[in-house]
Amino acid sequence: MNKKDILIVDDDNDLGMITKDTLEDHGYSVELCGSTEEACDELAENKFRLIILDINLPKETGFSFCKEIRKNSTIPIIFISARTSDTDKITGLDIGGDDYIPKPYSLQELLSRVNANLRRAYGFSGGQQNIVFDDVEIDLTSRSVKKDGQLVKLSIKEFDLLKYLIEHKNMVLRKETIFSEVWGMFNEIEISTLAVHIRWLREKLEGNPAKPKYIKTVWGVGYIFEVNI
């Protein structure tokens, strides 16, 4: 799965392109979709860090699409809309939106809101890149893993899963959320593949995979990656 910064969902192509160009000028990788159908395809193929979502869209409103996203993901969502009533703003925030900007908007203000929401969601920096616990060493930059000094071969998806667990260490994570964030919200792969990848990671990293020390099951909920790092 490719990683990109921002997904814009707006059927106003002219405004969407101007917004896309502005964000890309400031270093963001951006995709623009004109409908929720296109957005679903993008979310299945790419992992985004933030969504800019119009309310008035063909076939489906931004409100209903936001509700669908919130079933599996906490990705920051900024609503944009020509609908400026307090009722619409309250609805957008109550159903899971993180911000609401009326159209027409200042591109500089939108950029500031994007920056602020990304800081709140992910912090000011990319975080620790070299992780060491017990006999395991993980380099997030080179995507390499060693155990007892020996290189451990992980598939692309195994490493993506491990990285997500590391980024959310010592937190109980719902299996639906993990699957959505690692495989994509609208991926057609069965969620049971998550349990398979968890088992593979345990076999490669745990001293006793049958009694895991790090990647533990939280029955009825999901998993927790317990490490002191």
C-alpha atoms as a PDB file:
ATOM      1  CA  MET A   1       0.000   0.000   0.000  1.00  0.00           C
ATOM      2  CA  ASN A   2       1.359   3.418  -0.972  1.00  0.00           C
ATOM      3  CA  LYS A   3       1.523   6.193   1.598  1.00  0.00           C
ATOM      4  CA  LYS A   4       0.274   9.667   0.746  1.00  0.00           C
ATOM      5  CA  ASP A   5      -0.525  12.705   2.838  1.00  0.00           C
ATOM      6  CA  ILE A   6      -3.898  14.082   1.804  1.00  0.00           C
ATOM      7  CA  LEU A   7      -7.013  12.921  -0.038  1.00  0.00           C
ATOM      8  CA  ILE A   8      -9.318  15.675  -1.342  1.00  0.00           C
ATOM      9  CA  VAL A   9     -12.891  14.608  -2.126  1.00  0.00           C
ATOM     10  CA  ASP A  10     -14.590  17.468  -3.994  1.00  0.00           C
ATOM     11  CA  ASP A  11     -16.640  17.526  -7.193  1.00  0.00           C
ATOM     12  CA  ASP A  12     -15.613  21.148  -7.832  1.00  0.00           C
ATOM     13  CA  ASN A  13     -12.629  20.186  -9.970  1.00  0.00           C
ATOM     14  CA  ASP A  14     -11.308  23.731 -10.442  1.00  0.00           C
ATOM     15  CA  LEU A  15     -11.209  24.486  -6.723  1.00  0.00           C
ATOM     16  CA  GLY A  16      -9.939  20.994  -5.995  1.00  0.00           C
ATOM     17  CA  MET A  17      -7.021  21.396  -8.417  1.00  0.00           C
ATOM     18  CA  ILE A  18      -6.094  24.791  -6.968  1.00  0.00           C
ATOM     19  CA  THR A  19      -6.163  23.329  -3.463  1.00  0.00           C
ATOM     20  CA  LYS A  20      -4.153  20.301  -4.580  1.00  0.00           C
ATOM     21  CA  ASP A  21      -1.507  22.494  -6.228  1.00  0.00           C
ATOM     22  CA  THR A  22      -1.221  24.677  -3.129  1.00  0.00           C
ATOM     23  CA  LEU A  23      -0.763  21.745  -0.778  1.00  0.00           C
ATOM     24  CA  GLU A  24       1.765  20.112  -3.110  1.00  0.00           C
ATOM     25  CA  ASP A  25       3.689  23.401  -3.273  1.00  0.00           C
ATOM     26  CA  HIS A  26       4.069  23.051   0.500  1.00  0.00           C
ATOM     27  CA  GLY A  27       5.451  19.535   0.312  1.00  0.00           C
ATOM     28  CA  TYR A  28       2.348  17.366   0.664  1.00  0.00           C
ATOM     29  CA  SER A  29       1.505  14.430  -1.591  1.00  0.00           C
ATOM     30  CA  VAL A  30      -2.146  14.828  -2.624  1.00  0.00           C
ATOM     31  CA  GLU A  31      -4.822  12.910  -4.543  1.00  0.00           C
ATOM     32  CA  LEU A  32      -8.054  14.527  -5.792  1.00  0.00           C
ATOM     33  CA  CYS A  33     -11.337  12.637  -6.253  1.00  0.00           C
ATOM     34  CA  GLY A  34     -14.668  13.942  -7.502  1.00  0.00           C
ATOM     35  CA  SER A  35     -16.884  11.336  -5.848  1.00  0.00           C
ATOM     36  CA  THR A  36     -17.013   8.956  -2.904  1.00  0.00           C
ATOM     37  CA  GLU A  37     -16.714   6.014  -5.319  1.00  0.00           C
ATOM     38  CA  GLU A  38     -13.353   7.316  -6.521  1.00  0.00           C
ATOM     39  CA  ALA A  39     -12.363   8.048  -2.930  1.00  0.00           C
ATOM     40  CA  CYS A  40     -13.104   4.440  -1.923  1.00  0.00           C
ATOM     41  CA  ASP A  41     -10.748   3.215  -4.642  1.00  0.00           C
ATOM     42  CA  GLU A  42      -8.005   5.565  -3.456  1.00  0.00           C
ATOM     43  CA  LEU A  43      -8.441   4.522   0.185  1.00  0.00           C
ATOM     44  CA  ALA A  44      -8.170   0.883  -0.810  1.00  0.00           C
ATOM     45  CA  GLU A  45      -4.896   1.488  -2.664  1.00  0.00           C
ATOM     46  CA  ASN A  46      -3.221   4.168  -0.537  1.00  0.00           C
ATOM     47  CA  LYS A  47      -2.810   5.053   3.110  1.00  0.00           C
ATOM     48  CA  PHE A  48      -3.564   8.741   3.715  1.00  0.00           C
ATOM     49  CA  ARG A  49      -2.888  10.913   6.753  1.00  0.00           C
ATOM     50  CA  LEU A  50      -5.801  13.353   6.308  1.00  0.00           C
ATOM     51  CA  ILE A  51      -8.984  13.767   4.245  1.00  0.00           C
ATOM     52  CA  ILE A  52     -10.465  17.052   2.984  1.00  0.00           C
ATOM     53  CA  LEU A  53     -14.117  16.226   2.378  1.00  0.00           C
ATOM     54  CA  ASP A  54     -16.852  18.224   0.640  1.00  0.00           C
ATOM     55  CA  ILE A  55     -20.411  17.728   1.885  1.00  0.00           C
ATOM     56  CA  ASN A  56     -22.341  18.076  -1.381  1.00  0.00           C
ATOM     57  CA  LEU A  57     -21.144  15.200  -3.571  1.00  0.00           C
ATOM     58  CA  PRO A  58     -22.719  13.108  -6.345  1.00  0.00           C
ATOM     59  CA  LYS A  59     -24.840  10.164  -5.087  1.00  0.00           C
ATOM     60  CA  GLU A  60     -23.590  10.336  -1.481  1.00  0.00           C
ATOM     61  CA  THR A  61     -23.041  13.234   0.930  1.00  0.00           C
ATOM     62  CA  GLY A  62     -19.810  13.879   2.727  1.00  0.00           C
ATOM     63  CA  PHE A  63     -21.683  13.332   5.983  1.00  0.00           C
ATOM     64  CA  SER A  64     -22.628   9.743   5.124  1.00  0.00           C
ATOM     65  CA  PHE A  65     -19.120   9.033   3.788  1.00  0.00           C
ATOM     66  CA  CYS A  66     -17.608  10.342   7.016  1.00  0.00           C
ATOM     67  CA  LYS A  67     -19.835   8.014   9.042  1.00  0.00           C
ATOM     68  CA  GLU A  68     -18.665   5.090   6.923  1.00  0.00           C
ATOM     69  CA  ILE A  69     -15.005   6.014   7.429  1.00  0.00           C
ATOM     70  CA  ARG A  70     -15.451   6.408  11.179  1.00  0.00           C
ATOM     71  CA  LYS A  71     -16.543   2.792  11.516  1.00  0.00           C
ATOM     72  CA  ASN A  72     -12.921   1.764  11.016  1.00  0.00           C
ATOM     73  CA  SER A  73     -10.608   4.766  11.073  1.00  0.00           C
ATOM     74  CA  THR A  74      -9.633   7.820  13.120  1.00  0.00           C
ATOM     75  CA  ILE A  75      -7.964   9.611  10.197  1.00  0.00           C
ATOM     76  CA  PRO A  76      -8.394  13.422  10.521  1.00  0.00           C
ATOM     77  CA  ILE A  77     -11.243  14.740   8.361  1.00  0.00           C
ATOM     78  CA  ILE A  78     -11.686  18.409   7.431  1.00  0.00           C
ATOM     79  CA  PHE A  79     -15.108  19.241   6.005  1.00  0.00           C
ATOM     80  CA  ILE A  80     -15.316  21.905   3.307  1.00  0.00           C
ATOM     81  CA  SER A  81     -18.701  23.168   2.159  1.00  0.00           C
ATOM     82  CA  ALA A  82     -20.741  26.066   0.829  1.00  0.00           C
ATOM     83  CA  ARG A  83     -23.260  25.069   3.512  1.00  0.00           C
ATOM     84  CA  THR A  84     -22.388  27.391   6.376  1.00  0.00           C
ATOM     85  CA  SER A  85     -25.270  27.027   8.823  1.00  0.00           C
ATOM     86  CA  ASP A  86     -24.467  26.237  12.445  1.00  0.00           C
ATOM     87  CA  THR A  87     -26.549  23.063  12.102  1.00  0.00           C
ATOM     88  CA  ASP A  88     -24.326  21.738   9.309  1.00  0.00           C
ATOM     89  CA  LYS A  89     -21.169  22.611  11.221  1.00  0.00           C
ATOM     90  CA  ILE A  90     -22.424  20.894  14.359  1.00  0.00           C
ATOM     91  CA  THR A  91     -23.516  17.842  12.371  1.00  0.00           C
ATOM     92  CA  GLY A  92     -20.126  17.598  10.685  1.00  0.00           C
ATOM     93  CA  LEU A  93     -18.256  17.712  13.972  1.00  0.00           C
ATOM     94  CA  ASP A  94     -20.685  15.456  15.840  1.00  0.00           C
ATOM     95  CA  ILE A  95     -20.422  12.622  13.307  1.00  0.00           C
ATOM     96  CA  GLY A  96     -16.620  12.559  13.475  1.00  0.00           C
ATOM     97  CA  GLY A  97     -15.254  15.518  11.521  1.00  0.00           C
ATOM     98  CA  ASP A  98     -12.217  17.213  13.029  1.00  0.00           C
ATOM     99  CA  ASP A  99     -12.664  20.617  11.393  1.00  0.00           C
ATOM    100  CA  TYR A 100     -15.092  22.549   9.177  1.00  0.00           C
ATOM    101  CA  ILE A 101     -14.165  25.281   6.682  1.00  0.00           C
ATOM    102  CA  PRO A 102     -16.822  27.168   4.675  1.00  0.00           C
ATOM    103  CA  LYS A 103     -16.440  27.751   0.928  1.00  0.00           C
ATOM    104  CA  PRO A 104     -15.030  29.861  -0.539  1.00  0.00           C
ATOM    105  CA  TYR A 105     -12.035  29.471   1.718  1.00  0.00           C
ATOM    106  CA  SER A 106      -8.641  31.087   1.986  1.00  0.00           C
ATOM    107  CA  LEU A 107      -5.974  28.696   0.752  1.00  0.00           C
ATOM    108  CA  GLN A 108      -3.645  29.964   3.458  1.00  0.00           C
ATOM    109  CA  GLU A 109      -6.244  29.251   6.141  1.00  0.00           C
ATOM    110  CA  LEU A 110      -6.866  25.777   4.750  1.00  0.00           C
ATOM    111  CA  LEU A 111      -3.117  25.096   4.787  1.00  0.00           C
ATOM    112  CA  SER A 112      -2.936  26.235   8.421  1.00  0.00           C
ATOM    113  CA  ARG A 113      -5.876  23.998   9.355  1.00  0.00           C
ATOM    114  CA  VAL A 114      -4.245  21.046   7.582  1.00  0.00           C
ATOM    115  CA  ASN A 115      -0.977  21.633   9.446  1.00  0.00           C
ATOM    116  CA  ALA A 116      -2.771  21.957  12.779  1.00  0.00           C
ATOM    117  CA  ASN A 117      -4.834  18.798  12.338  1.00  0.00           C
ATOM    118  CA  LEU A 118      -1.796  16.781  11.285  1.00  0.00           C
ATOM    119  CA  ARG A 119       0.129  18.032  14.337  1.00  0.00           C
ATOM    120  CA  ARG A 120      -2.716  17.045  16.652  1.00  0.00           C
ATOM    121  CA  ALA A 121      -3.021  13.603  15.087  1.00  0.00           C
ATOM    122  CA  TYR A 122       0.623  12.678  14.559  1.00  0.00           C
ATOM    123  CA  GLY A 123       2.773  15.085  16.561  1.00  0.00           C
ATOM    124  CA  PHE A 124       5.492  17.453  15.421  1.00  0.00           C
ATOM    125  CA  SER A 125       8.017  14.904  14.181  1.00  0.00           C
ATOM    126  CA  GLY A 126       8.215  11.533  12.576  1.00  0.00           C
ATOM    127  CA  GLY A 127       9.144   9.955  15.905  1.00  0.00           C
ATOM    128  CA  GLN A 128      11.770   7.398  16.839  1.00  0.00           C
ATOM    129  CA  GLN A 129      13.235   5.565  13.849  1.00  0.00           C
ATOM    130  CA  ASN A 130      15.399   2.930  15.570  1.00  0.00           C
ATOM    131  CA  ILE A 131      13.582   0.651  17.994  1.00  0.00           C
ATOM    132  CA  VAL A 132      15.342  -1.788  20.323  1.00  0.00           C
ATOM    133  CA  PHE A 133      13.720  -4.087  22.862  1.00  0.00           C
ATOM    134  CA  ASP A 134      15.327  -7.177  24.357  1.00  0.00           C
ATOM    135  CA  ASP A 135      17.033  -9.003  21.444  1.00  0.00           C
ATOM    136  CA  VAL A 136      15.005  -7.297  18.690  1.00  0.00           C
ATOM    137  CA  GLU A 137      16.242  -4.316  16.631  1.00  0.00           C
ATOM    138  CA  ILE A 138      13.960  -2.501  14.189  1.00  0.00           C
ATOM    139  CA  ASP A 139      15.032   0.246  11.780  1.00  0.00           C
ATOM    140  CA  LEU A 140      11.908   2.005  10.526  1.00  0.00           C
ATOM    141  CA  THR A 141      13.853   3.981   7.914  1.00  0.00           C
ATOM    142  CA  SER A 142      15.463   1.001   6.186  1.00  0.00           C
ATOM    143  CA  ARG A 143      12.522  -1.278   7.074  1.00  0.00           C
ATOM    144  CA  SER A 144      14.851  -3.908   8.499  1.00  0.00           C
ATOM    145  CA  VAL A 145      14.458  -6.167  11.535  1.00  0.00           C
ATOM    146  CA  LYS A 146      17.078  -8.138  13.449  1.00  0.00           C
ATOM    147  CA  LYS A 147      16.700 -10.701  16.218  1.00  0.00           C
ATOM    148  CA  ASP A 148      19.777 -11.844  18.132  1.00  0.00           C
ATOM    149  CA  GLY A 149      21.767  -9.857  15.569  1.00  0.00           C
ATOM    150  CA  GLN A 150      20.410 -11.902  12.677  1.00  0.00           C
ATOM    151  CA  LEU A 151      18.340 -10.317   9.910  1.00  0.00           C
ATOM    152  CA  VAL A 152      14.666 -11.315  10.042  1.00  0.00           C
ATOM    153  CA  LYS A 153      12.935 -11.471   6.677  1.00  0.00           C
ATOM    154  CA  LEU A 154       9.508  -9.805   6.724  1.00  0.00           C
ATOM    155  CA  SER A 155       7.096  -9.333   3.866  1.00  0.00           C
ATOM    156  CA  ILE A 156       6.017  -5.801   2.977  1.00  0.00           C
ATOM    157  CA  LYS A 157       2.686  -6.254   4.751  1.00  0.00           C
ATOM    158  CA  GLU A 158       4.272  -7.887   7.800  1.00  0.00           C
ATOM    159  CA  PHE A 159       6.533  -4.884   8.222  1.00  0.00           C
ATOM    160  CA  ASP A 160       3.647  -2.450   7.648  1.00  0.00           C
ATOM    161  CA  LEU A 161       1.727  -4.226  10.412  1.00  0.00           C
ATOM    162  CA  LEU A 162       4.712  -4.231  12.759  1.00  0.00           C
ATOM    163  CA  LYS A 163       5.309  -0.530  12.133  1.00  0.00           C
ATOM    164  CA  TYR A 164       1.660   0.266  12.902  1.00  0.00           C
ATOM    165  CA  LEU A 165       1.854  -1.715  16.144  1.00  0.00           C
ATOM    166  CA  ILE A 166       5.055   0.115  17.108  1.00  0.00           C
ATOM    167  CA  GLU A 167       3.471   3.504  16.385  1.00  0.00           C
ATOM    168  CA  HIS A 168       0.601   2.551  18.700  1.00  0.00           C
ATOM    169  CA  LYS A 169       2.578   0.603  21.296  1.00  0.00           C
ATOM    170  CA  ASN A 170       0.993  -0.190  24.658  1.00  0.00           C
ATOM    171  CA  MET A 171      -2.458   0.696  23.306  1.00  0.00           C
ATOM    172  CA  VAL A 172      -5.340  -1.738  22.974  1.00  0.00           C
ATOM    173  CA  LEU A 173      -6.225  -1.704  19.269  1.00  0.00           C
ATOM    174  CA  ARG A 174      -9.407  -3.010  17.707  1.00  0.00           C
ATOM    175  CA  LYS A 175      -8.687  -5.562  15.012  1.00  0.00           C
ATOM    176  CA  GLU A 176     -11.002  -3.689  12.621  1.00  0.00           C
ATOM    177  CA  THR A 177      -8.970  -0.510  13.110  1.00  0.00           C
ATOM    178  CA  ILE A 178      -5.644  -2.276  12.567  1.00  0.00           C
ATOM    179  CA  PHE A 179      -6.927  -3.949   9.420  1.00  0.00           C
ATOM    180  CA  SER A 180      -8.327  -0.683   8.068  1.00  0.00           C
ATOM    181  CA  GLU A 181      -5.139   1.288   8.699  1.00  0.00           C
ATOM    182  CA  VAL A 182      -2.734  -1.347   7.357  1.00  0.00           C
ATOM    183  CA  TRP A 183      -4.739  -2.897   4.497  1.00  0.00           C
ATOM    184  CA  GLY A 184      -7.064   0.008   3.660  1.00  0.00           C
ATOM    185  CA  MET A 185     -10.649   0.795   4.557  1.00  0.00           C
ATOM    186  CA  PHE A 186     -12.209  -0.602   1.396  1.00  0.00           C
ATOM    187  CA  ASN A 187      -9.860  -3.488   0.676  1.00  0.00           C
ATOM    188  CA  GLU A 188     -11.604  -6.680  -0.438  1.00  0.00           C
ATOM    189  CA  ILE A 189      -9.206  -8.958   1.474  1.00  0.00           C
ATOM    190  CA  GLU A 190     -10.819 -10.830   4.383  1.00  0.00           C
ATOM    191  CA  ILE A 191     -10.083  -9.424   7.850  1.00  0.00           C
ATOM    192  CA  SER A 192      -8.984 -12.929   8.904  1.00  0.00           C
ATOM    193  CA  THR A 193      -5.692 -12.221   7.128  1.00  0.00           C
ATOM    194  CA  LEU A 194      -4.810  -9.953  10.081  1.00  0.00           C
ATOM    195  CA  ALA A 195      -4.725 -12.917  12.485  1.00  0.00           C
ATOM    196  CA  VAL A 196      -2.513 -14.799  10.025  1.00  0.00           C
ATOM    197  CA  HIS A 197      -0.019 -11.921   9.828  1.00  0.00           C
ATOM    198  CA  ILE A 198      -0.058 -11.553  13.626  1.00  0.00           C
ATOM    199  CA  ARG A 199       0.837 -15.241  13.914  1.00  0.00           C
ATOM    200  CA  TRP A 200       3.669 -14.850  11.414  1.00  0.00           C
ATOM    201  CA  LEU A 201       5.091 -11.865  13.314  1.00  0.00           C
ATOM    202  CA  ARG A 202       4.943 -13.791  16.579  1.00  0.00           C
ATOM    203  CA  GLU A 203       6.779 -16.721  15.012  1.00  0.00           C
ATOM    204  CA  LYS A 204       9.545 -14.398  13.816  1.00  0.00           C
ATOM    205  CA  LEU A 205       9.879 -12.082  16.847  1.00  0.00           C
ATOM    206  CA  GLU A 206       8.637 -13.875  19.961  1.00  0.00           C
ATOM    207  CA  GLY A 207      10.723 -16.292  22.011  1.00  0.00           C
ATOM    208  CA  ASN A 208       7.619 -18.409  22.550  1.00  0.00           C
ATOM    209  CA  PRO A 209       4.942 -17.616  19.936  1.00  0.00           C
ATOM    210  CA  ALA A 210       2.376 -19.701  21.856  1.00  0.00           C
ATOM    211  CA  LYS A 211       2.799 -17.385  24.856  1.00  0.00           C
ATOM    212  CA  PRO A 212       3.621 -14.032  23.270  1.00  0.00           C
ATOM    213  CA  LYS A 213       5.461 -11.446  25.320  1.00  0.00           C
ATOM    214  CA  TYR A 214       5.011  -8.515  22.934  1.00  0.00           C
ATOM    215  CA  ILE A 215       2.088  -9.008  20.528  1.00  0.00           C
ATOM    216  CA  LYS A 216      -0.758 -10.004  22.812  1.00  0.00           C
ATOM    217  CA  THR A 217      -4.380 -10.776  22.066  1.00  0.00           C
ATOM    218  CA  VAL A 218      -7.033  -8.776  23.877  1.00  0.00           C
ATOM    219  CA  TRP A 219      -9.971 -11.155  23.687  1.00  0.00           C
ATOM    220  CA  GLY A 220     -13.113  -9.719  22.168  1.00  0.00           C
ATOM    221  CA  VAL A 221     -11.294  -6.541  21.093  1.00  0.00           C
ATOM    222  CA  GLY A 222      -8.060  -6.977  19.171  1.00  0.00           C
ATOM    223  CA  TYR A 223      -4.373  -6.743  20.036  1.00  0.00           C
ATOM    224  CA  ILE A 224      -1.831  -4.815  22.072  1.00  0.00           C
ATOM    225  CA  PHE A 225       1.912  -4.460  21.391  1.00  0.00           C
ATOM    226  CA  GLU A 226       3.486  -4.332  24.858  1.00  0.00           C
ATOM    227  CA  VAL A 227       7.057  -3.064  24.939  1.00  0.00           C
ATOM    228  CA  ASN A 228       9.091  -0.743  27.140  1.00  0.00           C
ATOM    229  CA  ILE A 229      10.697   1.540  24.546  1.00  0.00           C
END
